[in-house]
Structures are given as C-alpha cells and as structure tokens.
Amino acid sequence: MGSIEKAIRASDLGLNPANDGKVVRVPIPALTDDRRKELSRHVHKQAEEGRNVVRQARRDANERLKKLLKDHKISEDDERKGLDQVQKITDEHVKLIDDLQKKKDQDLLGH
C-alpha cells in the first residue's frame, strides 16, 4: 500500500492519498479555475514528453537506416524513402499528440 500511495503522490497531480490499512483513499479536489489551469499545465508537460519520445523513435529509426546504407544493405534511394516515411509517421504522431492536448485543454479550460 505504501508503494501505491508513494506513486500517487509522485504523479504530480496534486493528490494526497491516505490508507487505513485496507483501502487507499484518494480525495479528488474540486475543479476550481486554478486546479483546471494546473491540470492543463500537467497535460502540456505530458504532451511534450510524448513528442520527445516520438522524436527519439525517429532518431533511432533514422540511425538504423543510415547504418543499413553504410553497410550496403539498402540503396540510397531506399534510405531516402525510409527517411521520408519515418518523418511522415513522426509528423502524424506529433499531430495526434497536439490534437489530444488541444482537446483536453478545451475540456479543462472551455476555450
């Protein structure tokens, strides 16, 4: 139970769990304007982390393509096509994250 409480506290959501030995209770604060803004900041942070993960995957894929070219396992044309495809997939996923962030902001802030 201690691990569960610790993880909830570490979640950066401003939640303060308590347990009675059998049950972990997590009081959820009212959604005031300040709380909504705080949650929006959290959404932005999570979205940026998501974009960074996608970009890291792009870097890894591009490095693999360049290694395949260097090892003469693919042609320059295939490398170029691969790099273009990786960028297209990256752009699609970053857009998905951006769209989800905007939707959540609308839900939270009503804009």
PDB file of N, CA and C in Angstrom:
ATOM      1  N   MET A   1       0.821  -1.198   0.000  1.00  0.00           N
ATOM      2  CA  MET A   1       0.000   0.000   0.000  1.00  0.00           C
ATOM      3  C   MET A   1       0.868   1.267   0.000  1.00  0.00           C
ATOM      4  N   GLY A   2       1.980   1.196   0.692  1.00  0.00           N
ATOM      5  CA  GLY A   2       2.879   2.347   0.742  1.00  0.00           C
ATOM      6  C   GLY A   2       3.380   2.710  -0.634  1.00  0.00           C
ATOM      7  N   SER A   3       3.659   1.700  -1.464  1.00  0.00           N
ATOM      8  CA  SER A   3       4.127   1.950  -2.829  1.00  0.00           C
ATOM      9  C   SER A   3       3.059   2.634  -3.656  1.00  0.00           C
ATOM     10  N   ILE A   4       1.821   2.232  -3.455  1.00  0.00           N
ATOM     11  CA  ILE A   4       0.704   2.835  -4.198  1.00  0.00           C
ATOM     12  C   ILE A   4       0.571   4.306  -3.806  1.00  0.00           C
ATOM     13  N   GLU A   5       0.590   4.565  -2.506  1.00  0.00           N
ATOM     14  CA  GLU A   5       0.493   5.957  -2.047  1.00  0.00           C
ATOM     15  C   GLU A   5       1.647   6.796  -2.594  1.00  0.00           C
ATOM     16  N   LYS A   6       2.847   6.251  -2.522  1.00  0.00           N
ATOM     17  CA  LYS A   6       4.035   6.965  -2.984  1.00  0.00           C
ATOM     18  C   LYS A   6       3.927   7.278  -4.477  1.00  0.00           C
ATOM     19  N   ALA A   7       3.464   6.327  -5.277  1.00  0.00           N
ATOM     20  CA  ALA A   7       3.320   6.537  -6.722  1.00  0.00           C
ATOM     21  C   ALA A   7       2.274   7.614  -7.015  1.00  0.00           C
ATOM     22  N   ILE A   8       1.186   7.610  -6.278  1.00  0.00           N
ATOM     23  CA  ILE A   8       0.138   8.625  -6.488  1.00  0.00           C
ATOM     24  C   ILE A   8       0.671  10.009  -6.132  1.00  0.00           C
ATOM     25  N   ARG A   9       1.406  10.105  -5.044  1.00  0.00           N
ATOM     26  CA  ARG A   9       1.985  11.398  -4.651  1.00  0.00           C
ATOM     27  C   ARG A   9       3.002  11.875  -5.688  1.00  0.00           C
ATOM     28  N   ALA A  10       3.767  10.932  -6.238  1.00  0.00           N
ATOM     29  CA  ALA A  10       4.809  11.272  -7.213  1.00  0.00           C
ATOM     30  C   ALA A  10       4.241  11.592  -8.594  1.00  0.00           C
ATOM     31  N   SER A  11       2.949  11.376  -8.795  1.00  0.00           N
ATOM     32  CA  SER A  11       2.328  11.559 -10.108  1.00  0.00           C
ATOM     33  C   SER A  11       2.236  13.017 -10.535  1.00  0.00           C
ATOM     34  N   ASP A  12       2.534  13.938  -9.650  1.00  0.00           N
ATOM     35  CA  ASP A  12       2.494  15.367  -9.962  1.00  0.00           C
ATOM     36  C   ASP A  12       1.073  15.832 -10.306  1.00  0.00           C
ATOM     37  N   LEU A  13       0.087  15.185  -9.708  1.00  0.00           N
ATOM     38  CA  LEU A  13      -1.305  15.577  -9.934  1.00  0.00           C
ATOM     39  C   LEU A  13      -1.884  16.337  -8.740  1.00  0.00           C
ATOM     40  N   GLY A  14      -1.080  16.539  -7.713  1.00  0.00           N
ATOM     41  CA  GLY A  14      -1.562  17.263  -6.542  1.00  0.00           C
ATOM     42  C   GLY A  14      -2.529  16.460  -5.701  1.00  0.00           C
ATOM     43  N   LEU A  15      -2.440  15.134  -5.758  1.00  0.00           N
ATOM     44  CA  LEU A  15      -3.333  14.270  -4.990  1.00  0.00           C
ATOM     45  C   LEU A  15      -2.623  13.817  -3.721  1.00  0.00           C
ATOM     46  N   ASN A  16      -3.399  13.655  -2.638  1.00  0.00           N
ATOM     47  CA  ASN A  16      -2.830  13.272  -1.351  1.00  0.00           C
ATOM     48  C   ASN A  16      -3.560  12.039  -0.820  1.00  0.00           C
ATOM     49  N   PRO A  17      -3.099  10.842  -1.188  1.00  0.00           N
ATOM     50  CA  PRO A  17      -3.787   9.620  -0.770  1.00  0.00           C
ATOM     51  C   PRO A  17      -3.566   9.323   0.717  1.00  0.00           C
ATOM     52  N   ALA A  18      -4.489   8.558   1.284  1.00  0.00           N
ATOM     53  CA  ALA A  18      -4.376   8.090   2.663  1.00  0.00           C
ATOM     54  C   ALA A  18      -4.887   6.659   2.688  1.00  0.00           C
ATOM     55  N   ASN A  19      -4.363   5.847   3.623  1.00  0.00           N
ATOM     56  CA  ASN A  19      -4.887   4.481   3.720  1.00  0.00           C
ATOM     57  C   ASN A  19      -5.160   4.145   5.172  1.00  0.00           C
ATOM     58  N   ASP A  20      -6.093   3.221   5.346  1.00  0.00           N
ATOM     59  CA  ASP A  20      -6.454   2.785   6.695  1.00  0.00           C
ATOM     60  C   ASP A  20      -5.947   1.363   6.951  1.00  0.00           C
ATOM     61  N   GLY A  21      -5.030   0.912   6.118  1.00  0.00           N
ATOM     62  CA  GLY A  21      -4.517  -0.444   6.265  1.00  0.00           C
ATOM     63  C   GLY A  21      -5.184  -1.424   5.316  1.00  0.00           C
ATOM     64  N   LYS A  22      -6.373  -1.100   4.849  1.00  0.00           N
ATOM     65  CA  LYS A  22      -7.114  -1.973   3.939  1.00  0.00           C
ATOM     66  C   LYS A  22      -7.421  -1.287   2.606  1.00  0.00           C
ATOM     67  N   VAL A  23      -7.663   0.013   2.665  1.00  0.00           N
ATOM     68  CA  VAL A  23      -8.115   0.761   1.499  1.00  0.00           C
ATOM     69  C   VAL A  23      -7.280   2.028   1.349  1.00  0.00           C
ATOM     70  N   VAL A  24      -6.921   2.340   0.093  1.00  0.00           N
ATOM     71  CA  VAL A  24      -6.255   3.614  -0.193  1.00  0.00           C
ATOM     72  C   VAL A  24      -7.331   4.577  -0.677  1.00  0.00           C
ATOM     73  N   ARG A  25      -7.462   5.689   0.015  1.00  0.00           N
ATOM     74  CA  ARG A  25      -8.439   6.701  -0.378  1.00  0.00           C
ATOM     75  C   ARG A  25      -7.690   7.876  -1.002  1.00  0.00           C
ATOM     76  N   VAL A  26      -8.239   8.360  -2.133  1.00  0.00           N
ATOM     77  CA  VAL A  26      -7.615   9.480  -2.833  1.00  0.00           C
ATOM     78  C   VAL A  26      -8.671  10.570  -3.001  1.00  0.00           C
ATOM     79  N   PRO A  27      -8.673  11.550  -2.094  1.00  0.00           N
ATOM     80  CA  PRO A  27      -9.626  12.653  -2.249  1.00  0.00           C
ATOM     81  C   PRO A  27      -9.297  13.447  -3.517  1.00  0.00           C
ATOM     82  N   ILE A  28     -10.291  13.696  -4.318  1.00  0.00           N
ATOM     83  CA  ILE A  28     -10.116  14.449  -5.564  1.00  0.00           C
ATOM     84  C   ILE A  28     -10.569  15.883  -5.316  1.00  0.00           C
ATOM     85  N   PRO A  29      -9.655  16.840  -5.479  1.00  0.00           N
ATOM     86  CA  PRO A  29     -10.025  18.244  -5.239  1.00  0.00           C
ATOM     87  C   PRO A  29     -11.054  18.740  -6.256  1.00  0.00           C
ATOM     88  N   ALA A  30     -11.822  19.734  -5.835  1.00  0.00           N
ATOM     89  CA  ALA A  30     -12.813  20.342  -6.731  1.00  0.00           C
ATOM     90  C   ALA A  30     -12.094  21.003  -7.902  1.00  0.00           C
ATOM     91  N   LEU A  31     -12.769  21.061  -9.048  1.00  0.00           N
ATOM     92  CA  LEU A  31     -12.173  21.653 -10.243  1.00  0.00           C
ATOM     93  C   LEU A  31     -12.373  23.165 -10.263  1.00  0.00           C
ATOM     94  N   THR A  32     -11.573  23.832  -9.471  1.00  0.00           N
ATOM     95  CA  THR A  32     -11.575  25.296  -9.490  1.00  0.00           C
ATOM     96  C   THR A  32     -10.809  25.748 -10.728  1.00  0.00           C
ATOM     97  N   ASP A  33     -10.877  27.052 -11.010  1.00  0.00           N
ATOM     98  CA  ASP A  33     -10.123  27.583 -12.151  1.00  0.00           C
ATOM     99  C   ASP A  33      -8.634  27.310 -11.992  1.00  0.00           C
ATOM    100  N   ASP A  34      -8.116  27.497 -10.772  1.00  0.00           N
ATOM    101  CA  ASP A  34      -6.691  27.244 -10.537  1.00  0.00           C
ATOM    102  C   ASP A  34      -6.352  25.772 -10.762  1.00  0.00           C
ATOM    103  N   ARG A  35      -7.231  24.885 -10.285  1.00  0.00           N
ATOM    104  CA  ARG A  35      -6.999  23.443 -10.455  1.00  0.00           C
ATOM    105  C   ARG A  35      -7.045  23.077 -11.944  1.00  0.00           C
ATOM    106  N   ARG A  36      -7.965  23.667 -12.682  1.00  0.00           N
ATOM    107  CA  ARG A  36      -8.049  23.406 -14.119  1.00  0.00           C
ATOM    108  C   ARG A  36      -6.766  23.853 -14.825  1.00  0.00           C
ATOM    109  N   LYS A  37      -6.255  25.025 -14.458  1.00  0.00           N
ATOM    110  CA  LYS A  37      -5.006  25.517 -15.053  1.00  0.00           C
ATOM    111  C   LYS A  37      -3.829  24.610 -14.691  1.00  0.00           C
ATOM    112  N   GLU A  38      -3.818  24.133 -13.461  1.00  0.00           N
ATOM    113  CA  GLU A  38      -2.762  23.217 -13.013  1.00  0.00           C
ATOM    114  C   GLU A  38      -2.816  21.914 -13.819  1.00  0.00           C
ATOM    115  N   LEU A  39      -4.007  21.387 -14.009  1.00  0.00           N
ATOM    116  CA  LEU A  39      -4.157  20.163 -14.804  1.00  0.00           C
ATOM    117  C   LEU A  39      -3.772  20.405 -16.264  1.00  0.00           C
ATOM    118  N   SER A  40      -4.093  21.588 -16.782  1.00  0.00           N
ATOM    119  CA  SER A  40      -3.712  21.929 -18.152  1.00  0.00           C
ATOM    120  C   SER A  40      -2.190  21.945 -18.295  1.00  0.00           C
ATOM    121  N   ARG A  41      -1.507  22.514 -17.302  1.00  0.00           N
ATOM    122  CA  ARG A  41      -0.035  22.506 -17.328  1.00  0.00           C
ATOM    123  C   ARG A  41       0.497  21.078 -17.320  1.00  0.00           C
ATOM    124  N   HIS A  42      -0.148  20.233 -16.541  1.00  0.00           N
ATOM    125  CA  HIS A  42       0.256  18.819 -16.495  1.00  0.00           C
ATOM    126  C   HIS A  42       0.051  18.154 -17.858  1.00  0.00           C
ATOM    127  N   VAL A  43      -1.064  18.455 -18.508  1.00  0.00           N
ATOM    128  CA  VAL A  43      -1.336  17.917 -19.847  1.00  0.00           C
ATOM    129  C   VAL A  43      -0.255  18.378 -20.822  1.00  0.00           C
ATOM    130  N   HIS A  44       0.123  19.641 -20.753  1.00  0.00           N
ATOM    131  CA  HIS A  44       1.160  20.176 -21.649  1.00  0.00           C
ATOM    132  C   HIS A  44       2.493  19.464 -21.411  1.00  0.00           C
ATOM    133  N   LYS A  45       2.810  19.232 -20.142  1.00  0.00           N
ATOM    134  CA  LYS A  45       4.056  18.536 -19.804  1.00  0.00           C
ATOM    135  C   LYS A  45       4.037  17.110 -20.365  1.00  0.00           C
ATOM    136  N   GLN A  46       2.922  16.408 -20.183  1.00  0.00           N
ATOM    137  CA  GLN A  46       2.812  15.040 -20.680  1.00  0.00           C
ATOM    138  C   GLN A  46       2.882  15.014 -22.212  1.00  0.00           C
ATOM    139  N   ALA A  47       2.257  15.978 -22.855  1.00  0.00           N
ATOM    140  CA  ALA A  47       2.281  16.039 -24.318  1.00  0.00           C
ATOM    141  C   ALA A  47       3.704  16.273 -24.818  1.00  0.00           C
ATOM    142  N   GLU A  48       4.443  17.158 -24.149  1.00  0.00           N
ATOM    143  CA  GLU A  48       5.823  17.414 -24.563  1.00  0.00           C
ATOM    144  C   GLU A  48       6.682  16.164 -24.384  1.00  0.00           C
ATOM    145  N   GLU A  49       6.468  15.447 -23.294  1.00  0.00           N
ATOM    146  CA  GLU A  49       7.195  14.197 -23.095  1.00  0.00           C
ATOM    147  C   GLU A  49       6.851  13.203 -24.209  1.00  0.00           C
ATOM    148  N   GLY A  50       5.588  13.157 -24.602  1.00  0.00           N
ATOM    149  CA  GLY A  50       5.170  12.276 -25.690  1.00  0.00           C
ATOM    150  C   GLY A  50       5.830  12.649 -27.006  1.00  0.00           C
ATOM    151  N   ARG A  51       5.863  13.955 -27.297  1.00  0.00           N
ATOM    152  CA  ARG A  51       6.528  14.402 -28.523  1.00  0.00           C
ATOM    153  C   ARG A  51       8.012  14.032 -28.506  1.00  0.00           C
ATOM    154  N   ASN A  52       8.651  14.155 -27.343  1.00  0.00           N
ATOM    155  CA  ASN A  52      10.067  13.794 -27.235  1.00  0.00           C
ATOM    156  C   ASN A  52      10.295  12.308 -27.476  1.00  0.00           C
ATOM    157  N   VAL A  53       9.387  11.471 -26.989  1.00  0.00           N
ATOM    158  CA  VAL A  53       9.500  10.024 -27.222  1.00  0.00           C
ATOM    159  C   VAL A  53       9.374   9.728 -28.717  1.00  0.00           C
ATOM    160  N   VAL A  54       8.429  10.385 -29.379  1.00  0.00           N
ATOM    161  CA  VAL A  54       8.255  10.187 -30.824  1.00  0.00           C
ATOM    162  C   VAL A  54       9.512  10.642 -31.568  1.00  0.00           C
ATOM    163  N   ARG A  55      10.064  11.775 -31.165  1.00  0.00           N
ATOM    164  CA  ARG A  55      11.275  12.272 -31.836  1.00  0.00           C
ATOM    165  C   ARG A  55      12.466  11.345 -31.611  1.00  0.00           C
ATOM    166  N   GLN A  56      12.549  10.767 -30.418  1.00  0.00           N
ATOM    167  CA  GLN A  56      13.636   9.819 -30.150  1.00  0.00           C
ATOM    168  C   GLN A  56      13.474   8.573 -31.028  1.00  0.00           C
ATOM    169  N   ALA A  57      12.244   8.117 -31.199  1.00  0.00           N
ATOM    170  CA  ALA A  57      11.996   6.968 -32.076  1.00  0.00           C
ATOM    171  C   ALA A  57      12.409   7.303 -33.512  1.00  0.00           C
ATOM    172  N   ARG A  58      12.141   8.547 -33.929  1.00  0.00           N
ATOM    173  CA  ARG A  58      12.560   8.988 -35.264  1.00  0.00           C
ATOM    174  C   ARG A  58      14.081   8.944 -35.383  1.00  0.00           C
ATOM    175  N   ARG A  59      14.766   9.477 -34.382  1.00  0.00           N
ATOM    176  CA  ARG A  59      16.240   9.460 -34.415  1.00  0.00           C
ATOM    177  C   ARG A  59      16.770   8.033 -34.508  1.00  0.00           C
ATOM    178  N   ASP A  60      16.193   7.125 -33.704  1.00  0.00           N
ATOM    179  CA  ASP A  60      16.633   5.726 -33.722  1.00  0.00           C
ATOM    180  C   ASP A  60      16.410   5.104 -35.097  1.00  0.00           C
ATOM    181  N   ALA A  61      15.234   5.344 -35.675  1.00  0.00           N
ATOM    182  CA  ALA A  61      14.924   4.781 -36.996  1.00  0.00           C
ATOM    183  C   ALA A  61      15.858   5.356 -38.055  1.00  0.00           C
ATOM    184  N   ASN A  62      16.097   6.662 -38.009  1.00  0.00           N
ATOM    185  CA  ASN A  62      16.998   7.293 -38.984  1.00  0.00           C
ATOM    186  C   ASN A  62      18.416   6.750 -38.857  1.00  0.00           C
ATOM    187  N   GLU A  63      18.886   6.553 -37.626  1.00  0.00           N
ATOM    188  CA  GLU A  63      20.225   5.993 -37.426  1.00  0.00           C
ATOM    189  C   GLU A  63      20.313   4.578 -37.997  1.00  0.00           C
ATOM    190  N   ARG A  64      19.264   3.790 -37.820  1.00  0.00           N
ATOM    191  CA  ARG A  64      19.252   2.422 -38.365  1.00  0.00           C
ATOM    192  C   ARG A  64      19.292   2.444 -39.889  1.00  0.00           C
ATOM    193  N   LEU A  65      18.525   3.362 -40.466  1.00  0.00           N
ATOM    194  CA  LEU A  65      18.538   3.476 -41.929  1.00  0.00           C
ATOM    195  C   LEU A  65      19.929   3.870 -42.429  1.00  0.00           C
ATOM    196  N   LYS A  66      20.558   4.813 -41.751  1.00  0.00           N
ATOM    197  CA  LYS A  66      21.889   5.251 -42.163  1.00  0.00           C
ATOM    198  C   LYS A  66      22.909   4.122 -42.014  1.00  0.00           C
ATOM    199  N   LYS A  67      22.745   3.299 -40.971  1.00  0.00           N
ATOM    200  CA  LYS A  67      23.653   2.164 -40.788  1.00  0.00           C
ATOM    201  C   LYS A  67      23.441   1.128 -41.893  1.00  0.00           C
ATOM    202  N   LEU A  68      22.176   0.888 -42.255  1.00  0.00           N
ATOM    203  CA  LEU A  68      21.896  -0.053 -43.343  1.00  0.00           C
ATOM    204  C   LEU A  68      22.541   0.421 -44.644  1.00  0.00           C
ATOM    205  N   LEU A  69      22.471   1.735 -44.899  1.00  0.00           N
ATOM    206  CA  LEU A  69      23.102   2.291 -46.101  1.00  0.00           C
ATOM    207  C   LEU A  69      24.621   2.121 -46.028  1.00  0.00           C
ATOM    208  N   LYS A  70      25.180   2.444 -44.875  1.00  0.00           N
ATOM    209  CA  LYS A  70      26.630   2.342 -44.690  1.00  0.00           C
ATOM    210  C   LYS A  70      27.112   0.896 -44.874  1.00  0.00           C
ATOM    211  N   ASP A  71      26.289  -0.058 -44.408  1.00  0.00           N
ATOM    212  CA  ASP A  71      26.640  -1.482 -44.524  1.00  0.00           C
ATOM    213  C   ASP A  71      26.259  -2.058 -45.885  1.00  0.00           C
ATOM    214  N   HIS A  72      25.800  -1.192 -46.787  1.00  0.00           N
ATOM    215  CA  HIS A  72      25.420  -1.572 -48.154  1.00  0.00           C
ATOM    216  C   HIS A  72      24.287  -2.608 -48.189  1.00  0.00           C
ATOM    217  N   LYS A  73      23.352  -2.495 -47.227  1.00  0.00           N
ATOM    218  CA  LYS A  73      22.205  -3.403 -47.190  1.00  0.00           C
ATOM    219  C   LYS A  73      20.984  -2.786 -47.863  1.00  0.00           C
ATOM    220  N   ILE A  74      21.014  -1.459 -48.046  1.00  0.00           N
ATOM    221  CA  ILE A  74      19.958  -0.768 -48.796  1.00  0.00           C
ATOM    222  C   ILE A  74      20.621   0.263 -49.699  1.00  0.00           C
ATOM    223  N   SER A  75      19.865   0.689 -50.709  1.00  0.00           N
ATOM    224  CA  SER A  75      20.381   1.704 -51.637  1.00  0.00           C
ATOM    225  C   SER A  75      20.113   3.102 -51.078  1.00  0.00           C
ATOM    226  N   GLU A  76      20.731   4.115 -51.706  1.00  0.00           N
ATOM    227  CA  GLU A  76      20.480   5.498 -51.293  1.00  0.00           C
ATOM    228  C   GLU A  76      19.017   5.870 -51.489  1.00  0.00           C
ATOM    229  N   ASP A  77      18.424   5.366 -52.579  1.00  0.00           N
ATOM    230  CA  ASP A  77      17.003   5.640 -52.823  1.00  0.00           C
ATOM    231  C   ASP A  77      16.139   5.044 -51.709  1.00  0.00           C
ATOM    232  N   ASP A  78      16.466   3.806 -51.306  1.00  0.00           N
ATOM    233  CA  ASP A  78      15.696   3.172 -50.233  1.00  0.00           C
ATOM    234  C   ASP A  78      15.881   3.921 -48.910  1.00  0.00           C
ATOM    235  N   GLU A  79      17.099   4.403 -48.679  1.00  0.00           N
ATOM    236  CA  GLU A  79      17.335   5.173 -47.457  1.00  0.00           C
ATOM    237  C   GLU A  79      16.493   6.447 -47.489  1.00  0.00           C
ATOM    238  N   ARG A  80      16.507   7.155 -48.597  1.00  0.00           N
ATOM    239  CA  ARG A  80      15.750   8.398 -48.728  1.00  0.00           C
ATOM    240  C   ARG A  80      14.254   8.131 -48.533  1.00  0.00           C
ATOM    241  N   LYS A  81      13.748   7.061 -49.159  1.00  0.00           N
ATOM    242  CA  LYS A  81      12.329   6.708 -48.989  1.00  0.00           C
ATOM    243  C   LYS A  81      12.031   6.394 -47.519  1.00  0.00           C
ATOM    244  N   GLY A  82      12.951   5.661 -46.902  1.00  0.00           N
ATOM    245  CA  GLY A  82      12.766   5.320 -45.490  1.00  0.00           C
ATOM    246  C   GLY A  82      12.762   6.544 -44.604  1.00  0.00           C
ATOM    247  N   LEU A  83      13.718   7.459 -44.844  1.00  0.00           N
ATOM    248  CA  LEU A  83      13.782   8.689 -44.053  1.00  0.00           C
ATOM    249  C   LEU A  83      12.512   9.518 -44.230  1.00  0.00           C
ATOM    250  N   ASP A  84      12.012   9.587 -45.464  1.00  0.00           N
ATOM    251  CA  ASP A  84      10.763  10.325 -45.728  1.00  0.00           C
ATOM    252  C   ASP A  84       9.588   9.675 -45.004  1.00  0.00           C
ATOM    253  N   GLN A  85       9.541   8.346 -45.038  1.00  0.00           N
ATOM    254  CA  GLN A  85       8.437   7.635 -44.388  1.00  0.00           C
ATOM    255  C   GLN A  85       8.503   7.819 -42.863  1.00  0.00           C
ATOM    256  N   VAL A  86       9.706   7.740 -42.311  1.00  0.00           N
ATOM    257  CA  VAL A  86       9.874   7.951 -40.872  1.00  0.00           C
ATOM    258  C   VAL A  86       9.411   9.358 -40.495  1.00  0.00           C
ATOM    259  N   GLN A  87       9.769  10.366 -41.295  1.00  0.00           N
ATOM    260  CA  GLN A  87       9.350  11.740 -41.000  1.00  0.00           C
ATOM    261  C   GLN A  87       7.834  11.874 -41.091  1.00  0.00           C
ATOM    262  N   LYS A  88       7.233  11.228 -42.080  1.00  0.00           N
ATOM    263  CA  LYS A  88       5.775  11.287 -42.233  1.00  0.00           C
ATOM    264  C   LYS A  88       5.087  10.677 -41.004  1.00  0.00           C
ATOM    265  N   ILE A  89       5.576   9.528 -40.560  1.00  0.00           N
ATOM    266  CA  ILE A  89       4.993   8.877 -39.381  1.00  0.00           C
ATOM    267  C   ILE A  89       5.193   9.750 -38.143  1.00  0.00           C
ATOM    268  N   THR A  90       6.387  10.356 -38.028  1.00  0.00           N
ATOM    269  CA  THR A  90       6.669  11.253 -36.906  1.00  0.00           C
ATOM    270  C   THR A  90       5.685  12.415 -36.902  1.00  0.00           C
ATOM    271  N   ASP A  91       5.508  13.055 -38.060  1.00  0.00           N
ATOM    272  CA  ASP A  91       4.588  14.189 -38.159  1.00  0.00           C
ATOM    273  C   ASP A  91       3.166  13.790 -37.774  1.00  0.00           C
ATOM    274  N   GLU A  92       2.725  12.608 -38.224  1.00  0.00           N
ATOM    275  CA  GLU A  92       1.372  12.135 -37.909  1.00  0.00           C
ATOM    276  C   GLU A  92       1.198  11.956 -36.402  1.00  0.00           C
ATOM    277  N   HIS A  93       2.194  11.360 -35.760  1.00  0.00           N
ATOM    278  CA  HIS A  93       2.073  11.098 -34.330  1.00  0.00           C
ATOM    279  C   HIS A  93       2.198  12.378 -33.498  1.00  0.00           C
ATOM    280  N   VAL A  94       3.049  13.289 -33.903  1.00  0.00           N
ATOM    281  CA  VAL A  94       3.140  14.571 -33.195  1.00  0.00           C
ATOM    282  C   VAL A  94       1.809  15.327 -33.342  1.00  0.00           C
ATOM    283  N   LYS A  95       1.202  15.261 -34.524  1.00  0.00           N
ATOM    284  CA  LYS A  95      -0.099  15.913 -34.723  1.00  0.00           C
ATOM    285  C   LYS A  95      -1.168  15.277 -33.834  1.00  0.00           C
ATOM    286  N   LEU A  96      -1.138  13.939 -33.711  1.00  0.00           N
ATOM    287  CA  LEU A  96      -2.093  13.267 -32.822  1.00  0.00           C
ATOM    288  C   LEU A  96      -1.940  13.773 -31.387  1.00  0.00           C
ATOM    289  N   ILE A  97      -0.696  13.865 -30.925  1.00  0.00           N
ATOM    290  CA  ILE A  97      -0.445  14.354 -29.571  1.00  0.00           C
ATOM    291  C   ILE A  97      -0.933  15.789 -29.431  1.00  0.00           C
ATOM    292  N   ASP A  98      -0.619  16.644 -30.419  1.00  0.00           N
ATOM    293  CA  ASP A  98      -1.064  18.044 -30.382  1.00  0.00           C
ATOM    294  C   ASP A  98      -2.583  18.132 -30.339  1.00  0.00           C
ATOM    295  N   ASP A  99      -3.255  17.329 -31.167  1.00  0.00           N
ATOM    296  CA  ASP A  99      -4.720  17.349 -31.203  1.00  0.00           C
ATOM    297  C   ASP A  99      -5.320  16.903 -29.867  1.00  0.00           C
ATOM    298  N   LEU A 100      -4.729  15.866 -29.276  1.00  0.00           N
ATOM    299  CA  LEU A 100      -5.222  15.391 -27.978  1.00  0.00           C
ATOM    300  C   LEU A 100      -5.002  16.448 -26.899  1.00  0.00           C
ATOM    301  N   GLN A 101      -3.870  17.112 -26.958  1.00  0.00           N
ATOM    302  CA  GLN A 101      -3.585  18.173 -25.988  1.00  0.00           C
ATOM    303  C   GLN A 101      -4.599  19.297 -26.126  1.00  0.00           C
ATOM    304  N   LYS A 102      -4.889  19.718 -27.354  1.00  0.00           N
ATOM    305  CA  LYS A 102      -5.861  20.788 -27.580  1.00  0.00           C
ATOM    306  C   LYS A 102      -7.252  20.389 -27.086  1.00  0.00           C
ATOM    307  N   LYS A 103      -7.626  19.134 -27.361  1.00  0.00           N
ATOM    308  CA  LYS A 103      -8.948  18.661 -26.930  1.00  0.00           C
ATOM    309  C   LYS A 103      -9.052  18.664 -25.408  1.00  0.00           C
ATOM    310  N   LYS A 104      -8.005  18.187 -24.755  1.00  0.00           N
ATOM    311  CA  LYS A 104      -8.024  18.155 -23.293  1.00  0.00           C
ATOM    312  C   LYS A 104      -8.043  19.569 -22.717  1.00  0.00           C
ATOM    313  N   ASP A 105      -7.316  20.492 -23.342  1.00  0.00           N
ATOM    314  CA  ASP A 105      -7.360  21.891 -22.911  1.00  0.00           C
ATOM    315  C   ASP A 105      -8.771  22.457 -23.046  1.00  0.00           C
ATOM    316  N   GLN A 106      -9.438  22.129 -24.143  1.00  0.00           N
ATOM    317  CA  GLN A 106     -10.824  22.591 -24.310  1.00  0.00           C
ATOM    318  C   GLN A 106     -11.709  22.016 -23.226  1.00  0.00           C
ATOM    319  N   ASP A 107     -11.515  20.725 -22.916  1.00  0.00           N
ATOM    320  CA  ASP A 107     -12.305  20.100 -21.851  1.00  0.00           C
ATOM    321  C   ASP A 107     -12.059  20.774 -20.505  1.00  0.00           C
ATOM    322  N   LEU A 108     -10.790  21.090 -20.250  1.00  0.00           N
ATOM    323  CA  LEU A 108     -10.440  21.659 -18.946  1.00  0.00           C
ATOM    324  C   LEU A 108     -10.747  23.150 -18.838  1.00  0.00           C
ATOM    325  N   LEU A 109     -10.426  23.888 -19.891  1.00  0.00           N
ATOM    326  CA  LEU A 109     -10.488  25.344 -19.805  1.00  0.00           C
ATOM    327  C   LEU A 109     -11.662  25.960 -20.539  1.00  0.00           C
ATOM    328  N   GLY A 110     -12.349  25.161 -21.359  1.00  0.00           N
ATOM    329  CA  GLY A 110     -13.521  25.652 -22.061  1.00  0.00           C
ATOM    330  C   GLY A 110     -13.255  26.638 -23.182  1.00  0.00           C
ATOM    331  N   HIS A 111     -12.059  26.596 -23.782  1.00  0.00           N
ATOM    332  CA  HIS A 111     -11.730  27.528 -24.884  1.00  0.00           C
ATOM    333  C   HIS A 111     -12.072  26.895 -26.203  1.00  0.00           C
TER     334      HIS A 111
END
